[in-house]
Amino acid sequence: MLQRMQTIWLLLAAVFSFLTLRFPIYNGNKIANGINEYNMLSATSSLFLIIAAVATGLVAFVAVFLYKSRGMQQKLCFTGLALCIISGWLYYMQIETFVQGAFNLWSAFYFLTPLCFILAMRGIYKDQKLVKSIDRLR
């Protein structure tokens, strides 16, 4: 299980997804009730962001243990990638409410999650290709 590279990519995707719950992605000023206040945007800022971050992390973590079913593992990777895109849209909607601000260094955690899913899908595809080529030789 651990000798396969996609296992490491999936574990990293799960860790990065869960780290977005703790560390802020964006910080800046927001006007609330006529008062300009400093806010930090993390996955815990909205219920939908919490659900998306936890679901992405759980999908990646569950996919690690489905190493015998590469087709299902690839479908879960695609689902995780779709959840990353949805959470990116949710972050964008939250960032639009800020008057001014900047991305934090911790936003790399969010941007590395889809990259890990893509690399895991590439590894799963290579495994499927290898198994098919071995089956042809029998």
C-alpha atoms as a PDB file:
ATOM      1  CA  MET A   1       0.000   0.000   0.000  1.00  0.00           C
ATOM      2  CA  LEU A   2       2.642   2.580   0.959  1.00  0.00           C
ATOM      3  CA  GLN A   3       5.031   1.656  -1.840  1.00  0.00           C
ATOM      4  CA  ARG A   4       2.594   3.147  -4.334  1.00  0.00           C
ATOM      5  CA  MET A   5       3.261   6.828  -4.967  1.00  0.00           C
ATOM      6  CA  GLN A   6      -0.420   7.742  -5.188  1.00  0.00           C
ATOM      7  CA  THR A   7      -0.856   6.706  -1.561  1.00  0.00           C
ATOM      8  CA  ILE A   8       1.535   9.452  -0.543  1.00  0.00           C
ATOM      9  CA  TRP A   9      -0.215  11.971  -2.804  1.00  0.00           C
ATOM     10  CA  LEU A  10      -3.610  11.054  -1.339  1.00  0.00           C
ATOM     11  CA  LEU A  11      -2.315  11.311   2.234  1.00  0.00           C
ATOM     12  CA  LEU A  12      -0.838  14.714   1.439  1.00  0.00           C
ATOM     13  CA  ALA A  13      -4.138  15.844  -0.099  1.00  0.00           C
ATOM     14  CA  ALA A  14      -5.968  14.775   3.074  1.00  0.00           C
ATOM     15  CA  VAL A  15      -3.468  16.557   5.325  1.00  0.00           C
ATOM     16  CA  PHE A  16      -3.551  19.756   3.255  1.00  0.00           C
ATOM     17  CA  SER A  17      -7.338  19.710   3.223  1.00  0.00           C
ATOM     18  CA  PHE A  18      -7.551  19.354   6.985  1.00  0.00           C
ATOM     19  CA  LEU A  19      -4.899  22.063   7.479  1.00  0.00           C
ATOM     20  CA  THR A  20      -7.142  24.563   5.685  1.00  0.00           C
ATOM     21  CA  LEU A  21      -9.474  24.232   8.656  1.00  0.00           C
ATOM     22  CA  ARG A  22      -6.798  25.576  10.966  1.00  0.00           C
ATOM     23  CA  PHE A  23      -4.827  28.111   8.944  1.00  0.00           C
ATOM     24  CA  PRO A  24      -6.264  31.205   7.195  1.00  0.00           C
ATOM     25  CA  ILE A  25      -6.272  31.494   3.426  1.00  0.00           C
ATOM     26  CA  TYR A  26      -6.951  35.217   3.125  1.00  0.00           C
ATOM     27  CA  ASN A  27      -6.914  38.188   5.466  1.00  0.00           C
ATOM     28  CA  GLY A  28      -8.006  41.746   5.095  1.00  0.00           C
ATOM     29  CA  ASN A  29     -10.571  44.393   5.948  1.00  0.00           C
ATOM     30  CA  LYS A  30     -14.263  43.801   5.733  1.00  0.00           C
ATOM     31  CA  ILE A  31     -17.081  46.258   6.301  1.00  0.00           C
ATOM     32  CA  ALA A  32     -19.717  44.850   8.645  1.00  0.00           C
ATOM     33  CA  ASN A  33     -22.562  47.068   9.907  1.00  0.00           C
ATOM     34  CA  GLY A  34     -20.718  50.189   8.780  1.00  0.00           C
ATOM     35  CA  ILE A  35     -17.574  49.278  10.728  1.00  0.00           C
ATOM     36  CA  ASN A  36     -14.323  48.456   8.971  1.00  0.00           C
ATOM     37  CA  GLU A  37     -12.872  45.411  10.760  1.00  0.00           C
ATOM     38  CA  TYR A  38      -9.960  43.061  10.176  1.00  0.00           C
ATOM     39  CA  ASN A  39     -10.946  39.463   9.353  1.00  0.00           C
ATOM     40  CA  MET A  40      -9.187  36.246   8.451  1.00  0.00           C
ATOM     41  CA  LEU A  41     -10.768  33.789   6.028  1.00  0.00           C
ATOM     42  CA  SER A  42     -10.255  30.094   6.711  1.00  0.00           C
ATOM     43  CA  ALA A  43     -12.329  27.008   6.059  1.00  0.00           C
ATOM     44  CA  THR A  44     -14.042  27.507   9.423  1.00  0.00           C
ATOM     45  CA  SER A  45     -15.471  30.868   8.307  1.00  0.00           C
ATOM     46  CA  SER A  46     -18.523  29.311   6.684  1.00  0.00           C
ATOM     47  CA  LEU A  47     -20.503  26.115   7.173  1.00  0.00           C
ATOM     48  CA  PHE A  48     -20.236  25.261   3.479  1.00  0.00           C
ATOM     49  CA  LEU A  49     -16.452  25.738   3.564  1.00  0.00           C
ATOM     50  CA  ILE A  50     -16.210  23.430   6.590  1.00  0.00           C
ATOM     51  CA  ILE A  51     -18.270  20.770   4.827  1.00  0.00           C
ATOM     52  CA  ALA A  52     -16.218  21.079   1.623  1.00  0.00           C
ATOM     53  CA  ALA A  53     -12.853  20.910   3.434  1.00  0.00           C
ATOM     54  CA  VAL A  54     -13.820  17.948   5.612  1.00  0.00           C
ATOM     55  CA  ALA A  55     -15.406  16.096   2.693  1.00  0.00           C
ATOM     56  CA  THR A  56     -12.302  16.643   0.555  1.00  0.00           C
ATOM     57  CA  GLY A  57     -10.052  15.348   3.316  1.00  0.00           C
ATOM     58  CA  LEU A  58     -12.243  12.333   3.985  1.00  0.00           C
ATOM     59  CA  VAL A  59     -12.475  11.438   0.299  1.00  0.00           C
ATOM     60  CA  ALA A  60      -8.684  11.509   0.028  1.00  0.00           C
ATOM     61  CA  PHE A  61      -8.240   9.487   3.210  1.00  0.00           C
ATOM     62  CA  VAL A  62     -10.792   6.845   2.191  1.00  0.00           C
ATOM     63  CA  ALA A  63      -9.228   6.561  -1.276  1.00  0.00           C
ATOM     64  CA  VAL A  64      -5.941   5.535   0.342  1.00  0.00           C
ATOM     65  CA  PHE A  65      -7.508   2.321   1.629  1.00  0.00           C
ATOM     66  CA  LEU A  66      -9.102   1.391  -1.697  1.00  0.00           C
ATOM     67  CA  TYR A  67      -5.790   0.416  -3.268  1.00  0.00           C
ATOM     68  CA  LYS A  68      -7.201  -2.920  -4.480  1.00  0.00           C
ATOM     69  CA  SER A  69      -9.940  -1.191  -6.467  1.00  0.00           C
ATOM     70  CA  ARG A  70      -8.099   1.237  -8.723  1.00  0.00           C
ATOM     71  CA  GLY A  71     -11.249   2.209 -10.612  1.00  0.00           C
ATOM     72  CA  MET A  72     -13.045   3.278  -7.442  1.00  0.00           C
ATOM     73  CA  GLN A  73      -9.901   5.006  -6.217  1.00  0.00           C
ATOM     74  CA  GLN A  74      -9.725   7.006  -9.430  1.00  0.00           C
ATOM     75  CA  LYS A  75     -13.409   7.965  -9.140  1.00  0.00           C
ATOM     76  CA  LEU A  76     -12.825   9.171  -5.578  1.00  0.00           C
ATOM     77  CA  CYS A  77      -9.838  11.215  -6.737  1.00  0.00           C
ATOM     78  CA  PHE A  78     -12.008  12.833  -9.380  1.00  0.00           C
ATOM     79  CA  THR A  79     -14.683  13.511  -6.720  1.00  0.00           C
ATOM     80  CA  GLY A  80     -12.052  15.068  -4.464  1.00  0.00           C
ATOM     81  CA  LEU A  81     -10.858  17.244  -7.309  1.00  0.00           C
ATOM     82  CA  ALA A  82     -14.448  18.369  -7.951  1.00  0.00           C
ATOM     83  CA  LEU A  83     -14.829  19.182  -4.246  1.00  0.00           C
ATOM     84  CA  CYS A  84     -11.641  21.274  -4.439  1.00  0.00           C
ATOM     85  CA  ILE A  85     -13.110  23.235  -7.340  1.00  0.00           C
ATOM     86  CA  ILE A  86     -16.355  23.787  -5.438  1.00  0.00           C
ATOM     87  CA  SER A  87     -14.490  24.938  -2.329  1.00  0.00           C
ATOM     88  CA  GLY A  88     -12.411  27.267  -4.517  1.00  0.00           C
ATOM     89  CA  TRP A  89     -15.605  28.837  -5.787  1.00  0.00           C
ATOM     90  CA  LEU A  90     -16.845  29.181  -2.179  1.00  0.00           C
ATOM     91  CA  TYR A  91     -13.573  30.850  -1.175  1.00  0.00           C
ATOM     92  CA  TYR A  92     -13.900  33.214  -4.121  1.00  0.00           C
ATOM     93  CA  MET A  93     -17.410  34.183  -3.020  1.00  0.00           C
ATOM     94  CA  GLN A  94     -16.142  34.871   0.508  1.00  0.00           C
ATOM     95  CA  ILE A  95     -13.126  36.871  -0.723  1.00  0.00           C
ATOM     96  CA  GLU A  96     -15.441  39.119  -2.763  1.00  0.00           C
ATOM     97  CA  THR A  97     -16.916  40.422   0.528  1.00  0.00           C
ATOM     98  CA  PHE A  98     -13.542  41.858   1.599  1.00  0.00           C
ATOM     99  CA  VAL A  99     -12.757  45.501   0.856  1.00  0.00           C
ATOM    100  CA  GLN A 100      -9.015  44.935   0.729  1.00  0.00           C
ATOM    101  CA  GLY A 101      -6.690  42.140   1.691  1.00  0.00           C
ATOM    102  CA  ALA A 102      -4.090  39.625   0.621  1.00  0.00           C
ATOM    103  CA  PHE A 103      -3.553  35.891   0.433  1.00  0.00           C
ATOM    104  CA  ASN A 104      -1.607  34.294   3.266  1.00  0.00           C
ATOM    105  CA  LEU A 105       1.318  31.960   2.920  1.00  0.00           C
ATOM    106  CA  TRP A 106      -0.993  29.236   4.262  1.00  0.00           C
ATOM    107  CA  SER A 107      -3.125  29.479   1.117  1.00  0.00           C
ATOM    108  CA  ALA A 108      -0.552  27.155  -0.450  1.00  0.00           C
ATOM    109  CA  PHE A 109      -2.284  24.342   1.465  1.00  0.00           C
ATOM    110  CA  TYR A 110      -5.454  24.935  -0.505  1.00  0.00           C
ATOM    111  CA  PHE A 111      -3.659  25.204  -3.841  1.00  0.00           C
ATOM    112  CA  LEU A 112      -1.592  22.051  -3.231  1.00  0.00           C
ATOM    113  CA  THR A 113      -4.646  19.876  -2.544  1.00  0.00           C
ATOM    114  CA  PRO A 114      -5.888  19.666  -6.170  1.00  0.00           C
ATOM    115  CA  LEU A 115      -2.310  19.189  -7.354  1.00  0.00           C
ATOM    116  CA  CYS A 116      -1.971  16.160  -5.061  1.00  0.00           C
ATOM    117  CA  PHE A 117      -5.246  14.746  -6.408  1.00  0.00           C
ATOM    118  CA  ILE A 118      -4.041  15.176  -9.994  1.00  0.00           C
ATOM    119  CA  LEU A 119      -0.726  13.472  -9.240  1.00  0.00           C
ATOM    120  CA  ALA A 120      -2.547  10.621  -7.480  1.00  0.00           C
ATOM    121  CA  MET A 121      -4.842  10.155 -10.485  1.00  0.00           C
ATOM    122  CA  ARG A 122      -1.782  10.034 -12.720  1.00  0.00           C
ATOM    123  CA  GLY A 123      -0.234   7.331 -10.520  1.00  0.00           C
ATOM    124  CA  ILE A 124      -3.431   5.286 -10.517  1.00  0.00           C
ATOM    125  CA  TYR A 125      -3.606   5.544 -14.313  1.00  0.00           C
ATOM    126  CA  LYS A 126      -0.021   4.294 -14.591  1.00  0.00           C
ATOM    127  CA  ASP A 127      -0.867   1.352 -12.312  1.00  0.00           C
ATOM    128  CA  GLN A 128      -3.885   0.444 -14.431  1.00  0.00           C
ATOM    129  CA  LYS A 129      -1.785   0.631 -17.575  1.00  0.00           C
ATOM    130  CA  LEU A 130       0.889  -1.606 -16.018  1.00  0.00           C
ATOM    131  CA  VAL A 131      -1.656  -4.213 -14.910  1.00  0.00           C
ATOM    132  CA  LYS A 132      -3.227  -4.278 -18.389  1.00  0.00           C
ATOM    133  CA  SER A 133       0.147  -4.753 -20.038  1.00  0.00           C
ATOM    134  CA  ILE A 134       1.022  -7.611 -17.690  1.00  0.00           C
ATOM    135  CA  ASP A 135      -2.354  -9.254 -18.341  1.00  0.00           C
ATOM    136  CA  ARG A 136      -1.652  -9.136 -22.073  1.00  0.00           C
ATOM    137  CA  LEU A 137       1.577 -11.040 -21.601  1.00  0.00           C
ATOM    138  CA  ARG A 138      -0.088 -13.954 -19.829  1.00  0.00           C
END
